[in-house]
Amino acid sequence: MSNLPDFRSPDVLLAHARHTMRFYHPRCIDPSGGFFHFFKDDGTVYDAHQRHLVSSTRFVFTYAMAYRRFGDPAYLEGARHGVRFLREAHLDQARGGYTWLLDWQHGQAKVIDGTRHAYGMAFVLLAYAHAAMAGVEEARPWIAETFDLMERRFWSESAGLYADEASADWQVLSPYRGQNANMHSCEALLAAFNATGERRYLARAALIAENITRRQGERCGGLIWEHYDAHWQPDWMFNKHDPANLFRPWGYQPGHFTEWTKLLLQLEAHGSRLDQDLSWILPTATQLFRVAVRRGWDAEHGGLCYSLAPDLTVCDPDKYFWVQAESTAAAALLAQRTGDDVYWDWYQRLWAYSWTHFVDHEHGAWYRILDRENRKLSDEKSPAGKVDYHTMGACYDIVSVLEGPR
């Protein structure tokens, strides 16, 4: 695509976020409760009943951020609508925790999968934090409530990390441990700190970040493997038979390397509130980004691949929307932090690729997955879990970099 816009213009990025939001709003709102979660490329809803905790929470984030940026009262009401559904449908009042997957019909919820996931809890925390920052004041006390539940049910003091999965009644804790739930917990804890100013959230985010990117990294060749056993030793075979698993893919994930780059730099920016040495952050963040683009970039067709094998060869060459989006944000933060134009070069390269191949300029939002030659794999633009939280979130993160302190 020629005539690319200026990706270092906040106006361009915010216009793109608005365009993406228009794909979802108002068609995603279900007047009977919550949001529709499954959309074809043209916006057609192809499953009106299934409700996934990850989509339910991420919609709260997208609406809250849109309201804070654009001031449209309909976005604030959307955020409040989403919070209400979390409390009235996903929250298990009797046993505590949030239901992973629901069937929602005629204003009634039926549990499809009641498994408790730390990954899901992280997004509940993120949703409440962003809702509170947008002015949904009723969500503010639920930040602490959610954090306390995560601490009580999933936190391991000896590991300094969260466990991953428990049965619906909390009686059985899975031996599986994963970095993904901890990465998004770090993200949510940073949001909780921003919403409340309470240092305990920032301290917990810092501990998780160091334990995953340094301690666990030392066990995995200096990089971040996805899967571990109950003792936090790497499990190199977990999901090798299911490499495209939605939340637990096999292999090193270049997109998670760059997502950690972003989170580490956002954590470092709060360093004055932490009484600890953070000199490790910049070299760690830089190393993760460099490996991601050096090993993951497709020199022939463009874009970052999905997965790398333990020997760092490409094992899944498909291109995922969120990998490109998070990597653009990471590149911008690194460019700002280091002053090195090589990161602005990567920023431009990633945006040019994504704008050309992933962005649906007609209907809005991003396509989800492309093959190595940049062909769509399906017409399902937004199944459970997507909602373009990554793409709009990246735009807002980058605009914060470009605008500087507000």
Protein backbone atom coordinates (compact mmCIF):
# COMPACT_ATOMS: atom_id res chain seq x y z
CA MET A 1 0.00 0.00 0.00
CA SER A 2 1.35 3.40 -0.99
CA ASN A 3 0.59 6.73 0.64
CA LEU A 4 0.91 5.46 4.17
CA PRO A 5 -0.17 7.88 6.88
CA ASP A 6 2.20 9.39 9.41
CA PHE A 7 2.30 6.77 12.13
CA ARG A 8 4.07 9.17 14.46
CA SER A 9 1.06 11.49 14.43
CA PRO A 10 -1.21 11.10 17.48
CA ASP A 11 -4.14 12.27 15.35
CA VAL A 12 -3.59 9.43 12.88
CA LEU A 13 -3.42 6.81 15.61
CA LEU A 14 -6.44 8.13 17.48
CA ALA A 15 -8.44 8.27 14.25
CA HIS A 16 -7.51 4.64 13.67
CA ALA A 17 -8.61 3.71 17.21
CA ARG A 18 -11.93 5.49 16.56
CA HIS A 19 -12.35 3.62 13.28
CA THR A 20 -11.66 0.31 15.03
CA MET A 21 -14.09 1.17 17.82
CA ARG A 22 -16.80 1.89 15.26
CA PHE A 23 -16.55 -1.70 14.06
CA TYR A 24 -17.69 -2.85 17.51
CA HIS A 25 -19.87 -0.02 18.78
CA PRO A 26 -22.82 -0.14 19.04
CA ARG A 27 -23.34 -3.52 17.34
CA CYS A 28 -21.50 -5.41 20.10
CA ILE A 29 -23.87 -4.30 22.86
CA ASP A 30 -26.49 -6.87 23.82
CA PRO A 31 -29.36 -4.99 25.49
CA SER A 32 -30.17 -8.11 27.53
CA GLY A 33 -26.70 -8.01 29.10
CA GLY A 34 -23.04 -7.85 28.21
CA PHE A 35 -21.70 -7.92 24.68
CA PHE A 36 -21.82 -10.10 21.61
CA HIS A 37 -18.39 -11.73 21.22
CA PHE A 38 -18.20 -13.27 17.76
CA PHE A 39 -17.97 -11.18 14.58
CA LYS A 40 -17.35 -11.89 10.91
CA ASP A 41 -15.26 -9.53 8.80
CA ASP A 42 -18.27 -7.36 7.94
CA GLY A 43 -19.48 -7.20 11.54
CA THR A 44 -22.09 -9.96 11.33
CA VAL A 45 -22.58 -11.69 14.68
CA TYR A 46 -22.12 -15.43 14.20
CA ASP A 47 -22.67 -16.62 17.80
CA ALA A 48 -25.02 -14.49 19.87
CA HIS A 49 -25.00 -16.56 23.04
CA GLN A 50 -21.53 -17.68 24.10
CA ARG A 51 -19.78 -15.29 26.49
CA HIS A 52 -16.09 -15.67 27.29
CA LEU A 53 -14.60 -13.99 30.35
CA VAL A 54 -11.65 -12.66 28.34
CA SER A 55 -13.89 -10.88 25.83
CA SER A 56 -16.27 -9.62 28.53
CA THR A 57 -13.39 -8.00 30.40
CA ARG A 58 -11.53 -6.71 27.36
CA PHE A 59 -14.65 -4.93 26.14
CA VAL A 60 -14.70 -3.01 29.44
CA PHE A 61 -11.10 -1.96 28.72
CA THR A 62 -11.84 -0.83 25.15
CA TYR A 63 -14.90 1.15 26.18
CA ALA A 64 -13.19 2.73 29.18
CA MET A 65 -10.15 3.77 27.15
CA ALA A 66 -12.32 5.11 24.32
CA TYR A 67 -14.27 7.23 26.79
CA ARG A 68 -11.12 8.61 28.38
CA ARG A 69 -9.71 9.56 24.98
CA PHE A 70 -12.81 10.72 23.13
CA GLY A 71 -15.29 11.69 25.83
CA ASP A 72 -18.36 10.13 24.20
CA PRO A 73 -20.88 9.35 26.97
CA ALA A 74 -21.97 6.24 25.04
CA TYR A 75 -18.51 4.77 25.64
CA LEU A 76 -18.80 5.41 29.38
CA GLU A 77 -22.19 3.69 29.41
CA GLY A 78 -20.63 0.81 27.45
CA ALA A 79 -17.97 0.38 30.11
CA ARG A 80 -20.59 0.47 32.86
CA HIS A 81 -22.74 -2.02 30.92
CA GLY A 82 -19.75 -4.37 30.75
CA VAL A 83 -18.93 -4.06 34.43
CA ARG A 84 -22.54 -4.85 35.28
CA PHE A 85 -22.34 -8.09 33.28
CA LEU A 86 -19.16 -9.12 35.06
CA ARG A 87 -20.90 -8.70 38.42
CA GLU A 88 -24.28 -10.17 37.48
CA ALA A 89 -23.30 -13.00 35.10
CA HIS A 90 -19.62 -13.99 35.37
CA LEU A 91 -19.12 -13.52 39.12
CA ASP A 92 -19.85 -16.63 41.17
CA GLN A 93 -21.22 -15.05 44.33
CA ALA A 94 -21.40 -18.34 46.20
CA ARG A 95 -17.88 -19.68 45.65
CA GLY A 96 -15.96 -16.61 44.55
CA GLY A 97 -14.23 -16.30 41.21
CA TYR A 98 -15.44 -15.60 37.71
CA THR A 99 -16.91 -18.10 35.26
CA TRP A 100 -14.69 -18.71 32.24
CA LEU A 101 -17.39 -19.47 29.68
CA LEU A 102 -21.15 -18.84 29.72
CA ASP A 103 -24.16 -19.46 27.54
CA TRP A 104 -26.32 -16.32 27.73
CA GLN A 105 -29.92 -16.50 26.55
CA HIS A 106 -33.02 -14.51 27.49
CA GLY A 107 -31.16 -12.71 30.24
CA GLN A 108 -30.03 -15.92 31.92
CA ALA A 109 -26.53 -17.37 32.24
CA LYS A 110 -25.73 -21.07 32.04
CA VAL A 111 -22.23 -22.23 32.92
CA ILE A 112 -20.38 -23.93 30.07
CA ASP A 113 -16.96 -23.96 31.74
CA GLY A 114 -16.58 -22.90 35.35
CA THR A 115 -12.83 -23.45 35.56
CA ARG A 116 -11.02 -20.68 37.43
CA HIS A 117 -8.17 -19.15 35.47
CA ALA A 118 -5.59 -16.69 36.76
CA TYR A 119 -5.45 -15.35 33.20
CA GLY A 120 -9.14 -14.50 33.41
CA MET A 121 -8.74 -12.96 36.87
CA ALA A 122 -5.98 -10.73 35.54
CA PHE A 123 -8.40 -9.31 32.99
CA VAL A 124 -11.10 -8.84 35.61
CA LEU A 125 -8.60 -6.74 37.56
CA LEU A 126 -7.64 -4.84 34.39
CA ALA A 127 -11.30 -4.18 33.60
CA TYR A 128 -12.12 -2.79 37.04
CA ALA A 129 -8.99 -0.63 37.09
CA HIS A 130 -9.71 0.93 33.71
CA ALA A 131 -13.40 1.31 34.48
CA ALA A 132 -12.52 3.20 37.65
CA MET A 133 -10.10 5.46 35.77
CA ALA A 134 -12.90 6.21 33.29
CA GLY A 135 -15.25 7.27 36.07
CA VAL A 136 -17.19 4.07 36.79
CA GLU A 137 -16.78 4.63 40.50
CA GLU A 138 -18.71 1.54 41.56
CA ALA A 139 -15.83 -0.52 40.12
CA ARG A 140 -13.21 1.02 42.40
CA PRO A 141 -13.67 -1.24 45.47
CA TRP A 142 -13.69 -4.28 43.20
CA ILE A 143 -10.05 -3.65 42.32
CA ALA A 144 -8.95 -4.63 45.82
CA GLU A 145 -11.56 -7.38 46.00
CA THR A 146 -10.19 -8.99 42.83
CA PHE A 147 -6.56 -8.60 43.85
CA ASP A 148 -7.28 -10.18 47.24
CA LEU A 149 -8.97 -13.13 45.55
CA MET A 150 -6.02 -13.61 43.18
CA GLU A 151 -3.63 -13.51 46.12
CA ARG A 152 -5.66 -15.96 48.18
CA ARG A 153 -6.34 -18.49 45.44
CA PHE A 154 -3.41 -18.31 43.02
CA TRP A 155 -0.40 -16.60 44.62
CA SER A 156 2.60 -18.70 45.67
CA GLU A 157 4.89 -16.94 48.09
CA SER A 158 7.69 -19.42 47.49
CA ALA A 159 7.52 -19.06 43.69
CA GLY A 160 6.79 -15.35 43.73
CA LEU A 161 4.29 -15.97 40.91
CA TYR A 162 0.67 -16.89 40.34
CA ALA A 163 -0.48 -20.43 39.66
CA ASP A 164 -2.66 -20.84 36.60
CA GLU A 165 -5.83 -22.85 36.95
CA ALA A 166 -8.19 -24.23 39.59
CA SER A 167 -11.42 -26.21 39.59
CA ALA A 168 -14.70 -24.33 39.85
CA ASP A 169 -14.95 -25.16 43.57
CA TRP A 170 -11.29 -24.21 44.15
CA GLN A 171 -10.53 -27.67 45.54
CA VAL A 172 -8.08 -28.73 42.83
CA LEU A 173 -5.16 -26.56 41.74
CA SER A 174 -3.66 -27.61 38.41
CA PRO A 175 0.09 -28.42 38.43
CA TYR A 176 0.45 -26.40 35.21
CA ARG A 177 2.22 -23.06 35.56
CA GLY A 178 2.38 -20.47 32.81
CA GLN A 179 4.05 -17.18 32.08
CA ASN A 180 1.06 -15.79 30.13
CA ALA A 181 -1.22 -15.43 33.14
CA ASN A 182 1.59 -13.77 35.07
CA MET A 183 2.42 -11.38 32.21
CA HIS A 184 -1.18 -10.18 32.05
CA SER A 185 -1.32 -10.03 35.84
CA CYS A 186 1.65 -7.67 35.67
CA GLU A 187 -0.24 -5.55 33.14
CA ALA A 188 -3.35 -5.51 35.32
CA LEU A 189 -1.39 -4.66 38.45
CA LEU A 190 0.19 -1.67 36.71
CA ALA A 191 -3.33 -0.54 35.81
CA ALA A 192 -4.48 -1.08 39.41
CA PHE A 193 -1.60 1.09 40.61
CA ASN A 194 -2.48 3.80 38.10
CA ALA A 195 -6.11 3.70 39.23
CA THR A 196 -5.45 3.76 42.98
CA GLY A 197 -1.90 4.95 43.61
CA GLU A 198 -1.48 2.02 46.01
CA ARG A 199 2.13 0.87 46.00
CA ARG A 200 1.29 -2.78 46.79
CA TYR A 201 0.07 -3.27 43.21
CA LEU A 202 3.23 -1.79 41.75
CA ALA A 203 5.44 -3.89 44.04
CA ARG A 204 3.63 -7.06 43.03
CA ALA A 205 3.96 -6.17 39.34
CA ALA A 206 7.69 -5.61 39.78
CA LEU A 207 8.18 -8.95 41.55
CA ILE A 208 6.33 -10.85 38.82
CA ALA A 209 8.24 -9.04 36.09
CA GLU A 210 11.61 -9.84 37.60
CA ASN A 211 10.75 -13.47 38.35
CA ILE A 212 9.46 -14.17 34.85
CA THR A 213 11.94 -12.23 32.75
CA ARG A 214 15.06 -12.84 34.85
CA ARG A 215 14.75 -15.91 37.07
CA GLN A 216 12.64 -17.96 34.69
CA GLY A 217 14.57 -16.54 31.77
CA GLU A 218 17.78 -17.94 33.22
CA ARG A 219 16.18 -21.39 33.12
CA CYS A 220 15.30 -20.98 29.43
CA GLY A 221 18.37 -19.69 27.67
CA GLY A 222 17.85 -16.10 28.73
CA LEU A 223 14.42 -15.95 27.10
CA ILE A 224 10.82 -16.53 28.22
CA TRP A 225 9.35 -19.97 27.70
CA GLU A 226 5.57 -20.23 28.02
CA HIS A 227 5.02 -23.41 30.03
CA TYR A 228 6.25 -24.81 33.35
CA ASP A 229 5.57 -27.57 35.83
CA ALA A 230 4.42 -27.09 39.41
CA HIS A 231 8.00 -26.30 40.48
CA TRP A 232 8.43 -23.68 37.76
CA GLN A 233 10.79 -25.80 35.70
CA PRO A 234 10.28 -25.42 31.93
CA ASP A 235 8.01 -27.96 30.29
CA TRP A 236 9.39 -28.07 26.76
CA MET A 237 6.74 -30.46 25.45
CA PHE A 238 3.53 -28.91 26.78
CA ASN A 239 1.07 -28.36 23.90
CA LYS A 240 3.61 -29.32 21.26
CA HIS A 241 0.70 -31.27 19.74
CA ASP A 242 -1.46 -28.10 19.88
CA PRO A 243 0.92 -25.30 18.87
CA ALA A 244 -1.84 -22.81 17.99
CA ASN A 245 -3.65 -23.14 21.34
CA LEU A 246 -5.40 -19.81 21.95
CA PHE A 247 -4.00 -19.08 25.41
CA ARG A 248 -1.22 -21.67 25.79
CA PRO A 249 0.63 -21.96 22.46
CA TRP A 250 3.76 -24.08 22.17
CA GLY A 251 7.08 -22.42 21.55
CA TYR A 252 8.74 -19.13 22.29
CA GLN A 253 6.36 -16.30 21.43
CA PRO A 254 7.97 -13.26 19.77
CA GLY A 255 4.79 -11.33 20.57
CA HIS A 256 5.19 -12.09 24.26
CA PHE A 257 8.83 -11.03 24.12
CA THR A 258 7.79 -7.63 22.80
CA GLU A 259 4.79 -7.41 25.12
CA TRP A 260 7.17 -7.89 28.03
CA THR A 261 9.40 -5.20 26.52
CA LYS A 262 6.48 -2.80 26.72
CA LEU A 263 5.48 -3.80 30.25
CA LEU A 264 9.05 -3.63 31.56
CA LEU A 265 9.48 -0.09 30.27
CA GLN A 266 6.12 0.96 31.70
CA LEU A 267 7.18 -0.52 35.02
CA GLU A 268 10.53 1.27 34.89
CA ALA A 269 8.73 4.59 34.40
CA HIS A 270 7.33 4.17 37.94
CA GLY A 271 10.77 3.43 39.38
CA SER A 272 10.70 6.37 41.76
CA ARG A 273 7.90 4.65 43.66
CA LEU A 274 9.88 1.44 44.10
CA ASP A 275 12.75 1.16 46.54
CA GLN A 276 14.78 -1.27 44.44
CA ASP A 277 17.39 -1.51 41.73
CA LEU A 278 15.75 -1.51 38.30
CA SER A 279 18.94 -1.26 36.26
CA TRP A 280 18.21 -4.73 34.84
CA ILE A 281 15.04 -3.59 33.08
CA LEU A 282 16.39 -1.76 30.04
CA PRO A 283 18.90 -4.45 28.98
CA THR A 284 16.27 -7.15 29.50
CA ALA A 285 13.62 -5.26 27.54
CA THR A 286 16.10 -4.53 24.75
CA GLN A 287 17.26 -8.14 24.50
CA LEU A 288 13.71 -9.48 24.29
CA PHE A 289 12.78 -7.07 21.51
CA ARG A 290 15.93 -7.72 19.53
CA VAL A 291 15.51 -11.49 19.63
CA ALA A 292 11.85 -11.16 18.62
CA VAL A 293 12.56 -9.11 15.50
CA ARG A 294 15.83 -10.84 14.58
CA ARG A 295 14.38 -14.35 14.81
CA GLY A 296 10.71 -13.68 14.15
CA TRP A 297 10.61 -11.19 11.26
CA ASP A 298 9.69 -12.65 7.87
CA ALA A 299 12.19 -11.03 5.50
CA GLU A 300 10.32 -12.25 2.43
CA HIS A 301 6.67 -11.54 3.22
CA GLY A 302 6.93 -9.16 6.17
CA GLY A 303 5.46 -9.41 9.62
CA LEU A 304 6.45 -11.22 12.79
CA CYS A 305 5.78 -14.94 12.98
CA TYR A 306 3.74 -16.51 15.75
CA SER A 307 6.10 -19.04 17.33
CA LEU A 308 9.74 -20.10 17.59
CA ALA A 309 10.98 -23.57 18.49
CA PRO A 310 13.45 -24.03 21.36
CA ASP A 311 16.33 -23.66 18.87
CA LEU A 312 14.80 -20.31 17.78
CA THR A 313 13.82 -21.47 14.31
CA VAL A 314 10.33 -20.53 13.13
CA CYS A 315 7.85 -23.28 13.98
CA ASP A 316 4.62 -21.40 13.24
CA PRO A 317 5.02 -18.87 10.39
CA ASP A 318 1.46 -17.52 10.59
CA LYS A 319 1.03 -13.84 11.41
CA TYR A 320 -1.24 -12.87 14.30
CA PHE A 321 -2.73 -9.40 14.69
CA TRP A 322 -1.77 -8.98 18.34
CA VAL A 323 1.89 -9.83 17.75
CA GLN A 324 2.27 -6.97 15.29
CA ALA A 325 0.28 -4.51 17.43
CA GLU A 326 2.14 -5.15 20.68
CA SER A 327 5.45 -5.00 18.85
CA THR A 328 4.71 -1.53 17.45
CA ALA A 329 4.02 -0.27 20.97
CA ALA A 330 7.22 -1.90 22.27
CA ALA A 331 9.24 -0.31 19.47
CA ALA A 332 7.87 3.14 20.29
CA LEU A 333 8.64 2.79 23.99
CA LEU A 334 12.16 1.56 23.27
CA ALA A 335 12.75 4.41 20.82
CA GLN A 336 11.63 6.93 23.41
CA ARG A 337 13.63 5.32 26.20
CA THR A 338 16.90 4.86 24.30
CA GLY A 339 16.84 7.59 21.67
CA ASP A 340 18.02 4.98 19.17
CA ASP A 341 16.41 5.45 15.74
CA VAL A 342 16.70 1.74 14.98
CA TYR A 343 13.56 1.27 17.06
CA TRP A 344 11.69 3.96 15.14
CA ASP A 345 12.72 2.08 12.00
CA TRP A 346 11.18 -1.09 13.37
CA TYR A 347 8.12 0.90 14.44
CA GLN A 348 7.62 2.17 10.90
CA ARG A 349 8.22 -1.26 9.39
CA LEU A 350 5.70 -2.93 11.70
CA TRP A 351 3.05 -0.28 11.11
CA ALA A 352 3.55 -0.30 7.33
CA TYR A 353 3.13 -4.08 7.28
CA SER A 354 0.09 -4.05 9.56
CA TRP A 355 -1.60 -1.16 7.76
CA THR A 356 -1.16 -2.93 4.44
CA HIS A 357 -2.14 -6.45 5.44
CA PHE A 358 -4.05 -6.51 8.74
CA VAL A 359 -6.17 -3.38 8.93
CA ASP A 360 -9.61 -3.70 7.34
CA HIS A 361 -9.95 -0.20 5.94
CA GLU A 362 -13.50 -0.84 4.74
CA HIS A 363 -15.25 -2.33 7.75
CA GLY A 364 -12.81 -1.46 10.53
CA ALA A 365 -10.71 -3.42 13.03
CA TRP A 366 -7.88 -5.86 12.18
CA TYR A 367 -8.03 -9.29 10.65
CA ARG A 368 -7.02 -11.92 13.19
CA ILE A 369 -4.61 -14.34 11.51
CA LEU A 370 -2.80 -14.39 8.17
CA ASP A 371 -0.68 -17.18 6.75
CA ARG A 372 2.97 -16.68 5.92
CA GLU A 373 2.06 -15.14 2.55
CA ASN A 374 -0.42 -12.77 4.22
CA ARG A 375 -3.62 -14.53 3.19
CA LYS A 376 -6.55 -14.59 5.62
CA LEU A 377 -7.23 -17.97 7.19
CA SER A 378 -10.94 -17.29 7.76
CA ASP A 379 -13.60 -14.58 7.73
CA GLU A 380 -13.88 -14.68 11.52
CA LYS A 381 -12.49 -11.30 12.42
CA SER A 382 -13.19 -11.37 16.13
CA PRO A 383 -13.89 -14.68 17.88
CA ALA A 384 -13.74 -15.04 21.65
CA GLY A 385 -10.89 -13.12 23.26
CA LYS A 386 -10.07 -10.63 20.50
CA VAL A 387 -12.24 -7.47 20.53
CA ASP A 388 -9.17 -5.53 19.28
CA TYR A 389 -8.03 -4.84 22.82
CA HIS A 390 -4.44 -5.27 21.63
CA THR A 391 -4.71 -3.00 18.60
CA MET A 392 -6.53 -0.10 20.25
CA GLY A 393 -4.45 -0.53 23.40
CA ALA A 394 -1.27 -0.27 21.34
CA CYS A 395 -2.52 2.95 19.75
CA TYR A 396 -3.21 4.50 23.16
CA ASP A 397 0.18 3.36 24.49
CA ILE A 398 1.96 4.85 21.47
CA VAL A 399 0.03 8.13 21.68
CA SER A 400 1.16 8.44 25.30
CA VAL A 401 4.74 8.11 24.09
CA LEU A 402 4.29 10.63 21.29
CA GLU A 403 2.50 13.19 23.45
CA GLY A 404 4.87 12.84 26.39
CA PRO A 405 3.80 13.50 30.00
CA ARG A 406 0.30 14.98 30.21
